[in-house]
Amino acid sequence: VLGKMSLPKPVESVTLTPSSPTVKVGAKVQLSATFTPADATNKTGVWSSDATDKATVDQNGLVTGKAVGSANITFTTNDGAKKATKAVSVTAAS
């Protein structure tokens, strides 16, 4: 008799929150990735910014405002190549 084998559950979709992130130059805002299904096996991935002169993101989803403008922050899953992108507005420091 074979033991129970648990099959990996791939990520079906990923969404990023908050819905309309804004950060001031020199400040930080935390983005979070939510996965469907919630019990997906591999919830890891890579964060990236398409405009690192405007905003950078670390591998925990922490965005730092660099210059006024906007940047698309993307999370790409390591399994299944699912992606979610969120536009982050960078405003002037007060």
PDB file of N, CA and C in Angstrom:
ATOM      1  N   VAL A   1       0.853  -1.190   0.000  1.00  0.00           N
ATOM      2  CA  VAL A   1       0.000   0.000   0.000  1.00  0.00           C
ATOM      3  C   VAL A   1       0.887   1.238   0.000  1.00  0.00           C
ATOM      4  N   LEU A   2       0.610   2.106  -0.924  1.00  0.00           N
ATOM      5  CA  LEU A   2       1.378   3.342  -1.006  1.00  0.00           C
ATOM      6  C   LEU A   2       0.854   4.354  -0.007  1.00  0.00           C
ATOM      7  N   GLY A   3       1.766   5.152   0.520  1.00  0.00           N
ATOM      8  CA  GLY A   3       1.360   6.224   1.434  1.00  0.00           C
ATOM      9  C   GLY A   3       0.624   7.305   0.677  1.00  0.00           C
ATOM     10  N   LYS A   4      -0.094   8.110   1.423  1.00  0.00           N
ATOM     11  CA  LYS A   4      -0.814   9.224   0.797  1.00  0.00           C
ATOM     12  C   LYS A   4       0.188  10.232   0.265  1.00  0.00           C
ATOM     13  N   MET A   5       0.065  10.524  -0.994  1.00  0.00           N
ATOM     14  CA  MET A   5       0.932  11.543  -1.573  1.00  0.00           C
ATOM     15  C   MET A   5       0.125  12.812  -1.767  1.00  0.00           C
ATOM     16  N   SER A   6       0.658  13.905  -1.278  1.00  0.00           N
ATOM     17  CA  SER A   6      -0.068  15.154  -1.504  1.00  0.00           C
ATOM     18  C   SER A   6       0.490  15.809  -2.759  1.00  0.00           C
ATOM     19  N   LEU A   7      -0.394  16.077  -3.667  1.00  0.00           N
ATOM     20  CA  LEU A   7       0.002  16.724  -4.915  1.00  0.00           C
ATOM     21  C   LEU A   7       0.167  18.214  -4.672  1.00  0.00           C
ATOM     22  N   PRO A   8       1.150  18.825  -5.322  1.00  0.00           N
ATOM     23  CA  PRO A   8       1.302  20.269  -5.161  1.00  0.00           C
ATOM     24  C   PRO A   8       0.083  21.007  -5.708  1.00  0.00           C
ATOM     25  N   LYS A   9      -0.326  22.041  -4.995  1.00  0.00           N
ATOM     26  CA  LYS A   9      -1.444  22.881  -5.450  1.00  0.00           C
ATOM     27  C   LYS A   9      -0.860  24.140  -6.058  1.00  0.00           C
ATOM     28  N   PRO A  10      -0.990  24.310  -7.373  1.00  0.00           N
ATOM     29  CA  PRO A  10      -0.429  25.515  -7.989  1.00  0.00           C
ATOM     30  C   PRO A  10      -1.247  26.762  -7.657  1.00  0.00           C
ATOM     31  N   VAL A  11      -0.577  27.894  -7.708  1.00  0.00           N
ATOM     32  CA  VAL A  11      -1.259  29.177  -7.552  1.00  0.00           C
ATOM     33  C   VAL A  11      -2.101  29.400  -8.803  1.00  0.00           C
ATOM     34  N   GLU A  12      -3.386  29.713  -8.608  1.00  0.00           N
ATOM     35  CA  GLU A  12      -4.276  29.991  -9.742  1.00  0.00           C
ATOM     36  C   GLU A  12      -4.295  31.476 -10.075  1.00  0.00           C
ATOM     37  N   SER A  13      -4.186  32.302  -9.034  1.00  0.00           N
ATOM     38  CA  SER A  13      -4.135  33.745  -9.264  1.00  0.00           C
ATOM     39  C   SER A  13      -3.493  34.416  -8.061  1.00  0.00           C
ATOM     40  N   VAL A  14      -3.016  35.619  -8.289  1.00  0.00           N
ATOM     41  CA  VAL A  14      -2.418  36.419  -7.229  1.00  0.00           C
ATOM     42  C   VAL A  14      -2.931  37.844  -7.390  1.00  0.00           C
ATOM     43  N   THR A  15      -3.261  38.487  -6.268  1.00  0.00           N
ATOM     44  CA  THR A  15      -3.696  39.884  -6.293  1.00  0.00           C
ATOM     45  C   THR A  15      -2.845  40.668  -5.305  1.00  0.00           C
ATOM     46  N   LEU A  16      -2.672  41.947  -5.596  1.00  0.00           N
ATOM     47  CA  LEU A  16      -1.869  42.810  -4.740  1.00  0.00           C
ATOM     48  C   LEU A  16      -2.749  43.831  -4.047  1.00  0.00           C
ATOM     49  N   THR A  17      -2.439  44.123  -2.801  1.00  0.00           N
ATOM     50  CA  THR A  17      -3.123  45.160  -2.033  1.00  0.00           C
ATOM     51  C   THR A  17      -2.061  46.060  -1.415  1.00  0.00           C
ATOM     52  N   PRO A  18      -2.400  47.314  -1.091  1.00  0.00           N
ATOM     53  CA  PRO A  18      -3.705  47.972  -1.200  1.00  0.00           C
ATOM     54  C   PRO A  18      -4.085  48.262  -2.650  1.00  0.00           C
ATOM     55  N   SER A  19      -5.348  48.680  -2.848  1.00  0.00           N
ATOM     56  CA  SER A  19      -5.861  48.832  -4.208  1.00  0.00           C
ATOM     57  C   SER A  19      -5.266  50.029  -4.943  1.00  0.00           C
ATOM     58  N   SER A  20      -5.009  51.133  -4.266  1.00  0.00           N
ATOM     59  CA  SER A  20      -4.446  52.330  -4.916  1.00  0.00           C
ATOM     60  C   SER A  20      -3.285  52.870  -4.086  1.00  0.00           C
ATOM     61  N   PRO A  21      -2.145  52.181  -4.116  1.00  0.00           N
ATOM     62  CA  PRO A  21      -1.043  52.609  -3.252  1.00  0.00           C
ATOM     63  C   PRO A  21      -0.410  53.922  -3.700  1.00  0.00           C
ATOM     64  N   THR A  22      -0.121  54.774  -2.719  1.00  0.00           N
ATOM     65  CA  THR A  22       0.573  56.039  -2.939  1.00  0.00           C
ATOM     66  C   THR A  22       1.693  56.126  -1.918  1.00  0.00           C
ATOM     67  N   VAL A  23       2.831  56.642  -2.339  1.00  0.00           N
ATOM     68  CA  VAL A  23       3.969  56.797  -1.429  1.00  0.00           C
ATOM     69  C   VAL A  23       4.631  58.140  -1.719  1.00  0.00           C
ATOM     70  N   LYS A  24       5.101  58.806  -0.681  1.00  0.00           N
ATOM     71  CA  LYS A  24       5.832  60.056  -0.867  1.00  0.00           C
ATOM     72  C   LYS A  24       7.298  59.745  -1.166  1.00  0.00           C
ATOM     73  N   VAL A  25       7.972  60.678  -1.836  1.00  0.00           N
ATOM     74  CA  VAL A  25       9.402  60.524  -2.103  1.00  0.00           C
ATOM     75  C   VAL A  25      10.121  60.343  -0.765  1.00  0.00           C
ATOM     76  N   GLY A  26      10.933  59.311  -0.667  1.00  0.00           N
ATOM     77  CA  GLY A  26      11.683  59.037   0.556  1.00  0.00           C
ATOM     78  C   GLY A  26      10.933  58.200   1.574  1.00  0.00           C
ATOM     79  N   ALA A  27       9.651  57.942   1.326  1.00  0.00           N
ATOM     80  CA  ALA A  27       8.843  57.145   2.258  1.00  0.00           C
ATOM     81  C   ALA A  27       8.668  55.733   1.698  1.00  0.00           C
ATOM     82  N   LYS A  28       7.994  54.892   2.484  1.00  0.00           N
ATOM     83  CA  LYS A  28       7.795  53.495   2.088  1.00  0.00           C
ATOM     84  C   LYS A  28       6.325  53.114   2.236  1.00  0.00           C
ATOM     85  N   VAL A  29       5.883  52.156   1.411  1.00  0.00           N
ATOM     86  CA  VAL A  29       4.540  51.585   1.527  1.00  0.00           C
ATOM     87  C   VAL A  29       4.675  50.079   1.312  1.00  0.00           C
ATOM     88  N   GLN A  30       3.931  49.313   2.118  1.00  0.00           N
ATOM     89  CA  GLN A  30       3.994  47.854   2.031  1.00  0.00           C
ATOM     90  C   GLN A  30       2.914  47.335   1.094  1.00  0.00           C
ATOM     91  N   LEU A  31       3.304  46.534   0.091  1.00  0.00           N
ATOM     92  CA  LEU A  31       2.346  45.825  -0.747  1.00  0.00           C
ATOM     93  C   LEU A  31       2.286  44.385  -0.264  1.00  0.00           C
ATOM     94  N   SER A  32       1.121  43.773  -0.397  1.00  0.00           N
ATOM     95  CA  SER A  32       0.943  42.379  -0.003  1.00  0.00           C
ATOM     96  C   SER A  32       0.359  41.593  -1.163  1.00  0.00           C
ATOM     97  N   ALA A  33       0.806  40.352  -1.300  1.00  0.00           N
ATOM     98  CA  ALA A  33       0.281  39.448  -2.321  1.00  0.00           C
ATOM     99  C   ALA A  33      -0.674  38.465  -1.653  1.00  0.00           C
ATOM    100  N   THR A  34      -1.859  38.283  -2.256  1.00  0.00           N
ATOM    101  CA  THR A  34      -2.844  37.318  -1.777  1.00  0.00           C
ATOM    102  C   THR A  34      -3.021  36.268  -2.863  1.00  0.00           C
ATOM    103  N   PHE A  35      -3.029  35.012  -2.454  1.00  0.00           N
ATOM    104  CA  PHE A  35      -3.024  33.904  -3.403  1.00  0.00           C
ATOM    105  C   PHE A  35      -4.344  33.153  -3.424  1.00  0.00           C
ATOM    106  N   THR A  36      -4.721  32.673  -4.618  1.00  0.00           N
ATOM    107  CA  THR A  36      -5.849  31.767  -4.789  1.00  0.00           C
ATOM    108  C   THR A  36      -5.308  30.518  -5.458  1.00  0.00           C
ATOM    109  N   PRO A  37      -5.563  29.327  -4.902  1.00  0.00           N
ATOM    110  CA  PRO A  37      -6.242  29.078  -3.627  1.00  0.00           C
ATOM    111  C   PRO A  37      -5.359  29.486  -2.443  1.00  0.00           C
ATOM    112  N   ALA A  38      -5.995  29.709  -1.296  1.00  0.00           N
ATOM    113  CA  ALA A  38      -5.272  30.149  -0.101  1.00  0.00           C
ATOM    114  C   ALA A  38      -4.265  29.102   0.364  1.00  0.00           C
ATOM    115  N   ASP A  39      -4.518  27.832   0.035  1.00  0.00           N
ATOM    116  CA  ASP A  39      -3.606  26.760   0.469  1.00  0.00           C
ATOM    117  C   ASP A  39      -2.680  26.293  -0.658  1.00  0.00           C
ATOM    118  N   ALA A  40      -2.380  27.193  -1.595  1.00  0.00           N
ATOM    119  CA  ALA A  40      -1.428  26.855  -2.663  1.00  0.00           C
ATOM    120  C   ALA A  40      -0.104  26.416  -2.040  1.00  0.00           C
ATOM    121  N   THR A  41       0.558  25.477  -2.693  1.00  0.00           N
ATOM    122  CA  THR A  41       1.778  24.887  -2.143  1.00  0.00           C
ATOM    123  C   THR A  41       2.933  25.881  -2.084  1.00  0.00           C
ATOM    124  N   ASN A  42       3.166  26.605  -3.171  1.00  0.00           N
ATOM    125  CA  ASN A  42       4.334  27.481  -3.255  1.00  0.00           C
ATOM    126  C   ASN A  42       3.883  28.925  -3.430  1.00  0.00           C
ATOM    127  N   LYS A  43       3.924  29.695  -2.326  1.00  0.00           N
ATOM    128  CA  LYS A  43       3.487  31.091  -2.366  1.00  0.00           C
ATOM    129  C   LYS A  43       4.680  32.036  -2.420  1.00  0.00           C
ATOM    130  N   THR A  44       5.713  31.627  -3.134  1.00  0.00           N
ATOM    131  CA  THR A  44       6.891  32.477  -3.237  1.00  0.00           C
ATOM    132  C   THR A  44       6.958  33.081  -4.628  1.00  0.00           C
ATOM    133  N   GLY A  45       7.729  34.146  -4.737  1.00  0.00           N
ATOM    134  CA  GLY A  45       7.872  34.793  -6.025  1.00  0.00           C
ATOM    135  C   GLY A  45       8.850  35.938  -5.953  1.00  0.00           C
ATOM    136  N   VAL A  46       8.852  36.727  -7.005  1.00  0.00           N
ATOM    137  CA  VAL A  46       9.808  37.819  -7.144  1.00  0.00           C
ATOM    138  C   VAL A  46       9.054  39.126  -7.359  1.00  0.00           C
ATOM    139  N   TRP A  47       9.452  40.163  -6.620  1.00  0.00           N
ATOM    140  CA  TRP A  47       8.908  41.511  -6.787  1.00  0.00           C
ATOM    141  C   TRP A  47       9.812  42.289  -7.726  1.00  0.00           C
ATOM    142  N   SER A  48       9.216  43.158  -8.563  1.00  0.00           N
ATOM    143  CA  SER A  48      10.023  44.000  -9.448  1.00  0.00           C
ATOM    144  C   SER A  48       9.302  45.316  -9.712  1.00  0.00           C
ATOM    145  N   SER A  49      10.082  46.320 -10.123  1.00  0.00           N
ATOM    146  CA  SER A  49       9.557  47.640 -10.485  1.00  0.00           C
ATOM    147  C   SER A  49       9.971  47.930 -11.919  1.00  0.00           C
ATOM    148  N   ASP A  50       9.042  48.504 -12.706  1.00  0.00           N
ATOM    149  CA  ASP A  50       9.390  48.839 -14.093  1.00  0.00           C
ATOM    150  C   ASP A  50       9.986  50.238 -14.208  1.00  0.00           C
ATOM    151  N   ALA A  51      10.079  50.962 -13.091  1.00  0.00           N
ATOM    152  CA  ALA A  51      10.626  52.325 -13.108  1.00  0.00           C
ATOM    153  C   ALA A  51      11.377  52.561 -11.797  1.00  0.00           C
ATOM    154  N   THR A  52      12.557  51.957 -11.686  1.00  0.00           N
ATOM    155  CA  THR A  52      13.305  52.041 -10.428  1.00  0.00           C
ATOM    156  C   THR A  52      13.797  53.454 -10.126  1.00  0.00           C
ATOM    157  N   ASP A  53      13.736  54.363 -11.122  1.00  0.00           N
ATOM    158  CA  ASP A  53      14.053  55.764 -10.842  1.00  0.00           C
ATOM    159  C   ASP A  53      12.908  56.440 -10.083  1.00  0.00           C
ATOM    160  N   LYS A  54      11.688  55.891 -10.175  1.00  0.00           N
ATOM    161  CA  LYS A  54      10.519  56.443  -9.475  1.00  0.00           C
ATOM    162  C   LYS A  54      10.242  55.712  -8.164  1.00  0.00           C
ATOM    163  N   ALA A  55      10.321  54.377  -8.189  1.00  0.00           N
ATOM    164  CA  ALA A  55      10.055  53.581  -6.985  1.00  0.00           C
ATOM    165  C   ALA A  55      10.779  52.248  -7.092  1.00  0.00           C
ATOM    166  N   THR A  56      11.324  51.801  -5.965  1.00  0.00           N
ATOM    167  CA  THR A  56      11.959  50.486  -5.908  1.00  0.00           C
ATOM    168  C   THR A  56      11.131  49.598  -4.988  1.00  0.00           C
ATOM    169  N   VAL A  57      11.320  48.285  -5.110  1.00  0.00           N
ATOM    170  CA  VAL A  57      10.604  47.337  -4.256  1.00  0.00           C
ATOM    171  C   VAL A  57      11.591  46.269  -3.810  1.00  0.00           C
ATOM    172  N   ASP A  58      11.531  45.904  -2.513  1.00  0.00           N
ATOM    173  CA  ASP A  58      12.399  44.826  -2.047  1.00  0.00           C
ATOM    174  C   ASP A  58      11.658  43.498  -2.172  1.00  0.00           C
ATOM    175  N   GLN A  59      12.301  42.402  -1.802  1.00  0.00           N
ATOM    176  CA  GLN A  59      11.698  41.087  -2.008  1.00  0.00           C
ATOM    177  C   GLN A  59      10.659  40.728  -0.948  1.00  0.00           C
ATOM    178  N   ASN A  60      10.305  41.707  -0.093  1.00  0.00           N
ATOM    179  CA  ASN A  60       9.194  41.539   0.845  1.00  0.00           C
ATOM    180  C   ASN A  60       7.996  42.390   0.439  1.00  0.00           C
ATOM    181  N   GLY A  61       8.086  43.086  -0.720  1.00  0.00           N
ATOM    182  CA  GLY A  61       6.987  43.921  -1.190  1.00  0.00           C
ATOM    183  C   GLY A  61       6.993  45.331  -0.634  1.00  0.00           C
ATOM    184  N   LEU A  62       8.099  45.732   0.010  1.00  0.00           N
ATOM    185  CA  LEU A  62       8.189  47.081   0.571  1.00  0.00           C
ATOM    186  C   LEU A  62       8.671  48.038  -0.516  1.00  0.00           C
ATOM    187  N   VAL A  63       7.804  49.014  -0.858  1.00  0.00           N
ATOM    188  CA  VAL A  63       8.081  49.962  -1.940  1.00  0.00           C
ATOM    189  C   VAL A  63       8.635  51.253  -1.346  1.00  0.00           C
ATOM    190  N   THR A  64       9.697  51.779  -1.955  1.00  0.00           N
ATOM    191  CA  THR A  64      10.293  53.044  -1.530  1.00  0.00           C
ATOM    192  C   THR A  64      10.146  54.051  -2.659  1.00  0.00           C
ATOM    193  N   GLY A  65       9.558  55.225  -2.343  1.00  0.00           N
ATOM    194  CA  GLY A  65       9.419  56.293  -3.328  1.00  0.00           C
ATOM    195  C   GLY A  65      10.761  56.954  -3.589  1.00  0.00           C
ATOM    196  N   LYS A  66      11.125  57.119  -4.864  1.00  0.00           N
ATOM    197  CA  LYS A  66      12.415  57.716  -5.237  1.00  0.00           C
ATOM    198  C   LYS A  66      12.251  59.091  -5.883  1.00  0.00           C
ATOM    199  N   ALA A  67      11.235  59.247  -6.750  1.00  0.00           N
ATOM    200  CA  ALA A  67      11.009  60.510  -7.453  1.00  0.00           C
ATOM    201  C   ALA A  67       9.535  60.585  -7.831  1.00  0.00           C
ATOM    202  N   VAL A  68       9.013  61.810  -7.975  1.00  0.00           N
ATOM    203  CA  VAL A  68       7.605  62.003  -8.320  1.00  0.00           C
ATOM    204  C   VAL A  68       7.304  61.330  -9.656  1.00  0.00           C
ATOM    205  N   GLY A  69       6.201  60.600  -9.697  1.00  0.00           N
ATOM    206  CA  GLY A  69       5.785  59.894 -10.906  1.00  0.00           C
ATOM    207  C   GLY A  69       5.049  58.633 -10.521  1.00  0.00           C
ATOM    208  N   SER A  70       5.197  57.588 -11.317  1.00  0.00           N
ATOM    209  CA  SER A  70       4.560  56.318 -10.966  1.00  0.00           C
ATOM    210  C   SER A  70       5.413  55.168 -11.469  1.00  0.00           C
ATOM    211  N   ALA A  71       5.201  54.018 -10.841  1.00  0.00           N
ATOM    212  CA  ALA A  71       5.909  52.801 -11.234  1.00  0.00           C
ATOM    213  C   ALA A  71       4.940  51.642 -11.126  1.00  0.00           C
ATOM    214  N   ASN A  72       5.071  50.691 -12.032  1.00  0.00           N
ATOM    215  CA  ASN A  72       4.295  49.456 -11.944  1.00  0.00           C
ATOM    216  C   ASN A  72       5.116  48.446 -11.159  1.00  0.00           C
ATOM    217  N   ILE A  73       4.566  48.014 -10.024  1.00  0.00           N
ATOM    218  CA  ILE A  73       5.221  47.016  -9.187  1.00  0.00           C
ATOM    219  C   ILE A  73       4.571  45.676  -9.513  1.00  0.00           C
ATOM    220  N   THR A  74       5.391  44.684  -9.831  1.00  0.00           N
ATOM    221  CA  THR A  74       4.888  43.371 -10.247  1.00  0.00           C
ATOM    222  C   THR A  74       5.394  42.286  -9.311  1.00  0.00           C
ATOM    223  N   PHE A  75       4.493  41.354  -8.970  1.00  0.00           N
ATOM    224  CA  PHE A  75       4.864  40.138  -8.250  1.00  0.00           C
ATOM    225  C   PHE A  75       4.649  38.980  -9.209  1.00  0.00           C
ATOM    226  N   THR A  76       5.686  38.169  -9.420  1.00  0.00           N
ATOM    227  CA  THR A  76       5.607  37.001 -10.297  1.00  0.00           C
ATOM    228  C   THR A  76       5.846  35.756  -9.459  1.00  0.00           C
ATOM    229  N   THR A  77       4.902  34.809  -9.494  1.00  0.00           N
ATOM    230  CA  THR A  77       5.044  33.595  -8.691  1.00  0.00           C
ATOM    231  C   THR A  77       6.147  32.701  -9.245  1.00  0.00           C
ATOM    232  N   ASN A  78       6.748  31.921  -8.349  1.00  0.00           N
ATOM    233  CA  ASN A  78       7.785  30.971  -8.760  1.00  0.00           C
ATOM    234  C   ASN A  78       7.181  29.722  -9.375  1.00  0.00           C
ATOM    235  N   ASP A  79       5.911  29.436  -9.089  1.00  0.00           N
ATOM    236  CA  ASP A  79       5.271  28.263  -9.714  1.00  0.00           C
ATOM    237  C   ASP A  79       4.135  28.741 -10.607  1.00  0.00           C
ATOM    238  N   GLY A  80       4.158  28.370 -11.847  1.00  0.00           N
ATOM    239  CA  GLY A  80       3.053  28.709 -12.733  1.00  0.00           C
ATOM    240  C   GLY A  80       3.143  30.054 -13.406  1.00  0.00           C
ATOM    241  N   ALA A  81       4.134  30.844 -13.065  1.00  0.00           N
ATOM    242  CA  ALA A  81       4.362  32.141 -13.714  1.00  0.00           C
ATOM    243  C   ALA A  81       3.130  33.042 -13.701  1.00  0.00           C
ATOM    244  N   LYS A  82       2.387  33.036 -12.598  1.00  0.00           N
ATOM    245  CA  LYS A  82       1.272  33.982 -12.449  1.00  0.00           C
ATOM    246  C   LYS A  82       1.850  35.325 -12.045  1.00  0.00           C
ATOM    247  N   LYS A  83       1.193  36.403 -12.489  1.00  0.00           N
ATOM    248  CA  LYS A  83       1.685  37.747 -12.203  1.00  0.00           C
ATOM    249  C   LYS A  83       0.550  38.632 -11.730  1.00  0.00           C
ATOM    250  N   ALA A  84       0.916  39.604 -10.918  1.00  0.00           N
ATOM    251  CA  ALA A  84      -0.014  40.671 -10.556  1.00  0.00           C
ATOM    252  C   ALA A  84       0.787  41.960 -10.559  1.00  0.00           C
ATOM    253  N   THR A  85       0.182  43.022 -11.085  1.00  0.00           N
ATOM    254  CA  THR A  85       0.865  44.312 -11.168  1.00  0.00           C
ATOM    255  C   THR A  85      -0.009  45.380 -10.534  1.00  0.00           C
ATOM    256  N   LYS A  86       0.629  46.293  -9.821  1.00  0.00           N
ATOM    257  CA  LYS A  86      -0.074  47.391  -9.174  1.00  0.00           C
ATOM    258  C   LYS A  86       0.681  48.675  -9.505  1.00  0.00           C
ATOM    259  N   ALA A  87      -0.045  49.687  -9.991  1.00  0.00           N
ATOM    260  CA  ALA A  87       0.563  50.998 -10.240  1.00  0.00           C
ATOM    261  C   ALA A  87       0.679  51.726  -8.906  1.00  0.00           C
ATOM    262  N   VAL A  88       1.878  52.197  -8.606  1.00  0.00           N
ATOM    263  CA  VAL A  88       2.128  52.946  -7.378  1.00  0.00           C
ATOM    264  C   VAL A  88       2.413  54.389  -7.762  1.00  0.00           C
ATOM    265  N   SER A  89       1.661  55.329  -7.170  1.00  0.00           N
ATOM    266  CA  SER A  89       1.890  56.754  -7.408  1.00  0.00           C
ATOM    267  C   SER A  89       2.895  57.268  -6.388  1.00  0.00           C
ATOM    268  N   VAL A  90       3.876  58.020  -6.866  1.00  0.00           N
ATOM    269  CA  VAL A  90       4.869  58.624  -5.981  1.00  0.00           C
ATOM    270  C   VAL A  90       4.620  60.129  -5.991  1.00  0.00           C
ATOM    271  N   THR A  91       4.398  60.697  -4.802  1.00  0.00           N
ATOM    272  CA  THR A  91       4.092  62.119  -4.672  1.00  0.00           C
ATOM    273  C   THR A  91       5.238  62.828  -3.955  1.00  0.00           C
ATOM    274  N   ALA A  92       5.252  64.156  -4.064  1.00  0.00           N
ATOM    275  CA  ALA A  92       6.318  64.945  -3.445  1.00  0.00           C
ATOM    276  C   ALA A  92       6.257  64.831  -1.927  1.00  0.00           C
ATOM    277  N   ALA A  93       7.421  64.811  -1.307  1.00  0.00           N
ATOM    278  CA  ALA A  93       7.475  64.812   0.159  1.00  0.00           C
ATOM    279  C   ALA A  93       6.939  66.151   0.641  1.00  0.00           C
ATOM    280  N   SER A  94       6.196  66.142   1.749  1.00  0.00           N
ATOM    281  CA  SER A  94       5.588  67.400   2.212  1.00  0.00           C
ATOM    282  C   SER A  94       6.563  68.232   3.009  1.00  0.00           C
TER     283      SER A  94
END
